[in-house]
Amino acid sequence: MKKLAEGYYQFEEMRDLTENVRLEMKVDLIDGQELDAEVKMVGTFWISGKFRKEFANKLGALIDQYRI
């Protein structure tokens, strides 16, 4: 955990979503509360080519739902 200022820390967290896909997050901890998180998705996987547009639209909508 890295101290950025009094009462303001940042820590890193990783979550394996599925085989070969991981979330790397930097989480802000301010006055003991986990607040904003910078999220980086890393990895590769295959999808059916005929569903690529639907997949991209759904993933984009999911990201927008949680984006601040």
PDB file of N, CA and C in Angstrom:
ATOM      1  N   MET A   1       0.854  -1.173   0.000  1.00  0.00           N
ATOM      2  CA  MET A   1       0.000   0.000   0.000  1.00  0.00           C
ATOM      3  C   MET A   1       0.896   1.230   0.000  1.00  0.00           C
ATOM      4  N   LYS A   2       0.572   2.168  -0.879  1.00  0.00           N
ATOM      5  CA  LYS A   2       1.375   3.385  -1.023  1.00  0.00           C
ATOM      6  C   LYS A   2       0.613   4.567  -0.418  1.00  0.00           C
ATOM      7  N   LYS A   3       1.289   5.323   0.448  1.00  0.00           N
ATOM      8  CA  LYS A   3       0.690   6.511   1.044  1.00  0.00           C
ATOM      9  C   LYS A   3       0.897   7.696   0.101  1.00  0.00           C
ATOM     10  N   LEU A   4      -0.205   8.340  -0.298  1.00  0.00           N
ATOM     11  CA  LEU A   4      -0.120   9.489  -1.197  1.00  0.00           C
ATOM     12  C   LEU A   4      -0.246  10.807  -0.440  1.00  0.00           C
ATOM     13  N   ALA A   5      -0.987  10.795   0.649  1.00  0.00           N
ATOM     14  CA  ALA A   5      -1.166  11.977   1.501  1.00  0.00           C
ATOM     15  C   ALA A   5      -1.763  11.484   2.818  1.00  0.00           C
ATOM     16  N   GLU A   6      -1.933  12.376   3.759  1.00  0.00           N
ATOM     17  CA  GLU A   6      -2.531  11.998   5.035  1.00  0.00           C
ATOM     18  C   GLU A   6      -3.946  11.460   4.808  1.00  0.00           C
ATOM     19  N   GLY A   7      -4.183  10.219   5.194  1.00  0.00           N
ATOM     20  CA  GLY A   7      -5.486   9.598   5.024  1.00  0.00           C
ATOM     21  C   GLY A   7      -5.801   9.129   3.613  1.00  0.00           C
ATOM     22  N   TYR A   8      -4.818   9.217   2.702  1.00  0.00           N
ATOM     23  CA  TYR A   8      -5.034   8.853   1.295  1.00  0.00           C
ATOM     24  C   TYR A   8      -3.972   7.849   0.881  1.00  0.00           C
ATOM     25  N   TYR A   9      -4.415   6.644   0.602  1.00  0.00           N
ATOM     26  CA  TYR A   9      -3.531   5.556   0.206  1.00  0.00           C
ATOM     27  C   TYR A   9      -3.998   4.969  -1.118  1.00  0.00           C
ATOM     28  N   GLN A  10      -3.137   4.197  -1.728  1.00  0.00           N
ATOM     29  CA  GLN A  10      -3.492   3.493  -2.955  1.00  0.00           C
ATOM     30  C   GLN A  10      -2.881   2.097  -2.882  1.00  0.00           C
ATOM     31  N   PHE A  11      -3.694   1.096  -3.269  1.00  0.00           N
ATOM     32  CA  PHE A  11      -3.177  -0.264  -3.303  1.00  0.00           C
ATOM     33  C   PHE A  11      -3.584  -0.913  -4.614  1.00  0.00           C
ATOM     34  N   GLU A  12      -2.866  -1.978  -4.956  1.00  0.00           N
ATOM     35  CA  GLU A  12      -3.131  -2.692  -6.199  1.00  0.00           C
ATOM     36  C   GLU A  12      -3.836  -4.005  -5.898  1.00  0.00           C
ATOM     37  N   GLU A  13      -4.748  -4.364  -6.783  1.00  0.00           N
ATOM     38  CA  GLU A  13      -5.494  -5.606  -6.644  1.00  0.00           C
ATOM     39  C   GLU A  13      -5.624  -6.228  -8.028  1.00  0.00           C
ATOM     40  N   MET A  14      -5.502  -7.541  -8.089  1.00  0.00           N
ATOM     41  CA  MET A  14      -5.657  -8.248  -9.363  1.00  0.00           C
ATOM     42  C   MET A  14      -6.746  -9.299  -9.208  1.00  0.00           C
ATOM     43  N   ARG A  15      -7.550  -9.439 -10.251  1.00  0.00           N
ATOM     44  CA  ARG A  15      -8.603 -10.460 -10.273  1.00  0.00           C
ATOM     45  C   ARG A  15      -8.526 -11.206 -11.589  1.00  0.00           C
ATOM     46  N   ASP A  16      -8.431 -12.518 -11.516  1.00  0.00           N
ATOM     47  CA  ASP A  16      -8.493 -13.342 -12.720  1.00  0.00           C
ATOM     48  C   ASP A  16      -9.965 -13.563 -13.042  1.00  0.00           C
ATOM     49  N   LEU A  17     -10.408 -13.051 -14.190  1.00  0.00           N
ATOM     50  CA  LEU A  17     -11.808 -13.177 -14.581  1.00  0.00           C
ATOM     51  C   LEU A  17     -12.097 -14.541 -15.165  1.00  0.00           C
ATOM     52  N   THR A  18     -11.210 -14.997 -15.996  1.00  0.00           N
ATOM     53  CA  THR A  18     -11.329 -16.272 -16.675  1.00  0.00           C
ATOM     54  C   THR A  18      -9.946 -16.626 -17.189  1.00  0.00           C
ATOM     55  N   GLU A  19      -9.816 -17.757 -17.813  1.00  0.00           N
ATOM     56  CA  GLU A  19      -8.510 -18.166 -18.321  1.00  0.00           C
ATOM     57  C   GLU A  19      -7.950 -17.103 -19.261  1.00  0.00           C
ATOM     58  N   ASN A  20      -6.757 -16.620 -18.967  1.00  0.00           N
ATOM     59  CA  ASN A  20      -6.018 -15.636 -19.778  1.00  0.00           C
ATOM     60  C   ASN A  20      -6.601 -14.223 -19.770  1.00  0.00           C
ATOM     61  N   VAL A  21      -7.519 -13.906 -18.866  1.00  0.00           N
ATOM     62  CA  VAL A  21      -8.065 -12.546 -18.774  1.00  0.00           C
ATOM     63  C   VAL A  21      -8.028 -12.113 -17.309  1.00  0.00           C
ATOM     64  N   ARG A  22      -7.393 -10.967 -17.071  1.00  0.00           N
ATOM     65  CA  ARG A  22      -7.190 -10.476 -15.713  1.00  0.00           C
ATOM     66  C   ARG A  22      -7.515  -8.991 -15.631  1.00  0.00           C
ATOM     67  N   LEU A  23      -8.044  -8.577 -14.479  1.00  0.00           N
ATOM     68  CA  LEU A  23      -8.203  -7.160 -14.175  1.00  0.00           C
ATOM     69  C   LEU A  23      -7.061  -6.750 -13.258  1.00  0.00           C
ATOM     70  N   GLU A  24      -6.401  -5.658 -13.597  1.00  0.00           N
ATOM     71  CA  GLU A  24      -5.371  -5.063 -12.747  1.00  0.00           C
ATOM     72  C   GLU A  24      -5.937  -3.725 -12.289  1.00  0.00           C
ATOM     73  N   MET A  25      -6.087  -3.565 -10.978  1.00  0.00           N
ATOM     74  CA  MET A  25      -6.741  -2.362 -10.453  1.00  0.00           C
ATOM     75  C   MET A  25      -5.850  -1.630  -9.460  1.00  0.00           C
ATOM     76  N   LYS A  26      -5.901  -0.315  -9.516  1.00  0.00           N
ATOM     77  CA  LYS A  26      -5.301   0.548  -8.510  1.00  0.00           C
ATOM     78  C   LYS A  26      -6.471   1.195  -7.778  1.00  0.00           C
ATOM     79  N   VAL A  27      -6.570   0.913  -6.489  1.00  0.00           N
ATOM     80  CA  VAL A  27      -7.725   1.342  -5.701  1.00  0.00           C
ATOM     81  C   VAL A  27      -7.312   2.461  -4.751  1.00  0.00           C
ATOM     82  N   ASP A  28      -8.074   3.555  -4.772  1.00  0.00           N
ATOM     83  CA  ASP A  28      -7.850   4.655  -3.840  1.00  0.00           C
ATOM     84  C   ASP A  28      -8.545   4.351  -2.522  1.00  0.00           C
ATOM     85  N   LEU A  29      -7.801   4.451  -1.439  1.00  0.00           N
ATOM     86  CA  LEU A  29      -8.323   4.259  -0.090  1.00  0.00           C
ATOM     87  C   LEU A  29      -8.216   5.604   0.615  1.00  0.00           C
ATOM     88  N   ILE A  30      -9.356   6.242   0.819  1.00  0.00           N
ATOM     89  CA  ILE A  30      -9.375   7.579   1.407  1.00  0.00           C
ATOM     90  C   ILE A  30     -10.174   7.523   2.699  1.00  0.00           C
ATOM     91  N   ASP A  31      -9.517   7.891   3.797  1.00  0.00           N
ATOM     92  CA  ASP A  31     -10.133   7.854   5.123  1.00  0.00           C
ATOM     93  C   ASP A  31     -10.798   6.509   5.400  1.00  0.00           C
ATOM     94  N   GLY A  32     -10.104   5.429   5.017  1.00  0.00           N
ATOM     95  CA  GLY A  32     -10.573   4.080   5.293  1.00  0.00           C
ATOM     96  C   GLY A  32     -11.622   3.539   4.343  1.00  0.00           C
ATOM     97  N   GLN A  33     -12.015   4.301   3.330  1.00  0.00           N
ATOM     98  CA  GLN A  33     -13.020   3.863   2.377  1.00  0.00           C
ATOM     99  C   GLN A  33     -12.384   3.597   1.014  1.00  0.00           C
ATOM    100  N   GLU A  34     -12.733   2.439   0.425  1.00  0.00           N
ATOM    101  CA  GLU A  34     -12.269   2.146  -0.921  1.00  0.00           C
ATOM    102  C   GLU A  34     -13.144   2.921  -1.888  1.00  0.00           C
ATOM    103  N   LEU A  35     -12.538   3.857  -2.599  1.00  0.00           N
ATOM    104  CA  LEU A  35     -13.308   4.725  -3.485  1.00  0.00           C
ATOM    105  C   LEU A  35     -12.985   4.401  -4.936  1.00  0.00           C
ATOM    106  N   ASP A  36     -12.426   5.317  -5.665  1.00  0.00           N
ATOM    107  CA  ASP A  36     -12.188   5.133  -7.097  1.00  0.00           C
ATOM    108  C   ASP A  36     -11.154   4.040  -7.365  1.00  0.00           C
ATOM    109  N   ALA A  37     -11.318   3.366  -8.494  1.00  0.00           N
ATOM    110  CA  ALA A  37     -10.359   2.339  -8.908  1.00  0.00           C
ATOM    111  C   ALA A  37     -10.055   2.526 -10.389  1.00  0.00           C
ATOM    112  N   GLU A  38      -8.775   2.579 -10.697  1.00  0.00           N
ATOM    113  CA  GLU A  38      -8.333   2.572 -12.090  1.00  0.00           C
ATOM    114  C   GLU A  38      -8.267   1.113 -12.520  1.00  0.00           C
ATOM    115  N   VAL A  39      -8.913   0.771 -13.620  1.00  0.00           N
ATOM    116  CA  VAL A  39      -9.023  -0.624 -14.040  1.00  0.00           C
ATOM    117  C   VAL A  39      -8.353  -0.823 -15.398  1.00  0.00           C
ATOM    118  N   LYS A  40      -7.532  -1.848 -15.466  1.00  0.00           N
ATOM    119  CA  LYS A  40      -6.890  -2.240 -16.721  1.00  0.00           C
ATOM    120  C   LYS A  40      -7.209  -3.714 -16.950  1.00  0.00           C
ATOM    121  N   MET A  41      -7.796  -4.025 -18.106  1.00  0.00           N
ATOM    122  CA  MET A  41      -8.086  -5.413 -18.430  1.00  0.00           C
ATOM    123  C   MET A  41      -6.974  -5.920 -19.341  1.00  0.00           C
ATOM    124  N   VAL A  42      -6.400  -7.073 -18.978  1.00  0.00           N
ATOM    125  CA  VAL A  42      -5.259  -7.623 -19.686  1.00  0.00           C
ATOM    126  C   VAL A  42      -5.567  -9.062 -20.086  1.00  0.00           C
ATOM    127  N   GLY A  43      -5.270  -9.401 -21.320  1.00  0.00           N
ATOM    128  CA  GLY A  43      -5.407 -10.781 -21.737  1.00  0.00           C
ATOM    129  C   GLY A  43      -5.994 -10.910 -23.132  1.00  0.00           C
ATOM    130  N   THR A  44      -6.159 -12.134 -23.529  1.00  0.00           N
ATOM    131  CA  THR A  44      -6.733 -12.419 -24.839  1.00  0.00           C
ATOM    132  C   THR A  44      -7.677 -13.602 -24.735  1.00  0.00           C
ATOM    133  N   PHE A  45      -8.648 -13.616 -25.616  1.00  0.00           N
ATOM    134  CA  PHE A  45      -9.563 -14.736 -25.717  1.00  0.00           C
ATOM    135  C   PHE A  45     -10.233 -14.667 -27.073  1.00  0.00           C
ATOM    136  N   TRP A  46     -10.877 -15.732 -27.462  1.00  0.00           N
ATOM    137  CA  TRP A  46     -11.536 -15.806 -28.759  1.00  0.00           C
ATOM    138  C   TRP A  46     -13.049 -15.774 -28.575  1.00  0.00           C
ATOM    139  N   ILE A  47     -13.728 -15.131 -29.542  1.00  0.00           N
ATOM    140  CA  ILE A  47     -15.182 -15.166 -29.596  1.00  0.00           C
ATOM    141  C   ILE A  47     -15.592 -15.504 -31.026  1.00  0.00           C
ATOM    142  N   SER A  48     -16.814 -15.924 -31.201  1.00  0.00           N
ATOM    143  CA  SER A  48     -17.331 -16.213 -32.531  1.00  0.00           C
ATOM    144  C   SER A  48     -17.377 -14.919 -33.334  1.00  0.00           C
ATOM    145  N   GLY A  49     -16.868 -14.947 -34.535  1.00  0.00           N
ATOM    146  CA  GLY A  49     -16.808 -13.747 -35.367  1.00  0.00           C
ATOM    147  C   GLY A  49     -18.153 -13.107 -35.618  1.00  0.00           C
ATOM    148  N   LYS A  50     -19.212 -13.915 -35.713  1.00  0.00           N
ATOM    149  CA  LYS A  50     -20.522 -13.333 -36.000  1.00  0.00           C
ATOM    150  C   LYS A  50     -21.107 -12.599 -34.791  1.00  0.00           C
ATOM    151  N   PHE A  51     -20.519 -12.811 -33.587  1.00  0.00           N
ATOM    152  CA  PHE A  51     -21.006 -12.118 -32.393  1.00  0.00           C
ATOM    153  C   PHE A  51     -20.105 -10.970 -31.961  1.00  0.00           C
ATOM    154  N   ARG A  52     -19.076 -10.648 -32.736  1.00  0.00           N
ATOM    155  CA  ARG A  52     -18.092  -9.650 -32.295  1.00  0.00           C
ATOM    156  C   ARG A  52     -18.698  -8.275 -32.072  1.00  0.00           C
ATOM    157  N   LYS A  53     -19.630  -7.837 -32.936  1.00  0.00           N
ATOM    158  CA  LYS A  53     -20.245  -6.512 -32.763  1.00  0.00           C
ATOM    159  C   LYS A  53     -21.142  -6.492 -31.535  1.00  0.00           C
ATOM    160  N   GLU A  54     -21.927  -7.544 -31.363  1.00  0.00           N
ATOM    161  CA  GLU A  54     -22.796  -7.648 -30.184  1.00  0.00           C
ATOM    162  C   GLU A  54     -21.958  -7.663 -28.906  1.00  0.00           C
ATOM    163  N   PHE A  55     -20.870  -8.444 -28.924  1.00  0.00           N
ATOM    164  CA  PHE A  55     -19.976  -8.525 -27.769  1.00  0.00           C
ATOM    165  C   PHE A  55     -19.383  -7.151 -27.448  1.00  0.00           C
ATOM    166  N   ALA A  56     -18.876  -6.466 -28.468  1.00  0.00           N
ATOM    167  CA  ALA A  56     -18.266  -5.148 -28.254  1.00  0.00           C
ATOM    168  C   ALA A  56     -19.287  -4.161 -27.701  1.00  0.00           C
ATOM    169  N   ASN A  57     -20.504  -4.186 -28.215  1.00  0.00           N
ATOM    170  CA  ASN A  57     -21.545  -3.275 -27.723  1.00  0.00           C
ATOM    171  C   ASN A  57     -21.903  -3.570 -26.269  1.00  0.00           C
ATOM    172  N   LYS A  58     -22.058  -4.856 -25.926  1.00  0.00           N
ATOM    173  CA  LYS A  58     -22.410  -5.222 -24.554  1.00  0.00           C
ATOM    174  C   LYS A  58     -21.282  -4.892 -23.581  1.00  0.00           C
ATOM    175  N   LEU A  59     -20.047  -5.155 -23.988  1.00  0.00           N
ATOM    176  CA  LEU A  59     -18.916  -4.847 -23.114  1.00  0.00           C
ATOM    177  C   LEU A  59     -18.794  -3.339 -22.919  1.00  0.00           C
ATOM    178  N   GLY A  60     -18.967  -2.584 -23.993  1.00  0.00           N
ATOM    179  CA  GLY A  60     -18.931  -1.124 -23.883  1.00  0.00           C
ATOM    180  C   GLY A  60     -20.023  -0.601 -22.964  1.00  0.00           C
ATOM    181  N   ALA A  61     -21.232  -1.155 -23.078  1.00  0.00           N
ATOM    182  CA  ALA A  61     -22.342  -0.724 -22.219  1.00  0.00           C
ATOM    183  C   ALA A  61     -22.062  -1.064 -20.755  1.00  0.00           C
ATOM    184  N   LEU A  62     -21.476  -2.235 -20.507  1.00  0.00           N
ATOM    185  CA  LEU A  62     -21.145  -2.623 -19.136  1.00  0.00           C
ATOM    186  C   LEU A  62     -20.094  -1.692 -18.544  1.00  0.00           C
ATOM    187  N   ILE A  63     -19.080  -1.366 -19.327  1.00  0.00           N
ATOM    188  CA  ILE A  63     -18.046  -0.432 -18.855  1.00  0.00           C
ATOM    189  C   ILE A  63     -18.672   0.931 -18.555  1.00  0.00           C
ATOM    190  N   ASP A  64     -19.504   1.430 -19.451  1.00  0.00           N
ATOM    191  CA  ASP A  64     -20.156   2.726 -19.233  1.00  0.00           C
ATOM    192  C   ASP A  64     -21.055   2.718 -18.006  1.00  0.00           C
ATOM    193  N   GLN A  65     -21.672   1.583 -17.708  1.00  0.00           N
ATOM    194  CA  GLN A  65     -22.555   1.475 -16.534  1.00  0.00           C
ATOM    195  C   GLN A  65     -21.788   1.730 -15.244  1.00  0.00           C
ATOM    196  N   TYR A  66     -20.517   1.297 -15.181  1.00  0.00           N
ATOM    197  CA  TYR A  66     -19.742   1.418 -13.959  1.00  0.00           C
ATOM    198  C   TYR A  66     -18.731   2.566 -13.986  1.00  0.00           C
ATOM    199  N   ARG A  67     -18.578   3.202 -15.111  1.00  0.00           N
ATOM    200  CA  ARG A  67     -17.601   4.286 -15.243  1.00  0.00           C
ATOM    201  C   ARG A  67     -18.038   5.499 -14.436  1.00  0.00           C
ATOM    202  N   ILE A  68     -17.075   6.188 -13.876  1.00  0.00           N
ATOM    203  CA  ILE A  68     -17.387   7.427 -13.140  1.00  0.00           C
ATOM    204  C   ILE A  68     -16.812   8.616 -13.869  1.00  0.00           C
TER     205      ILE A  68
END
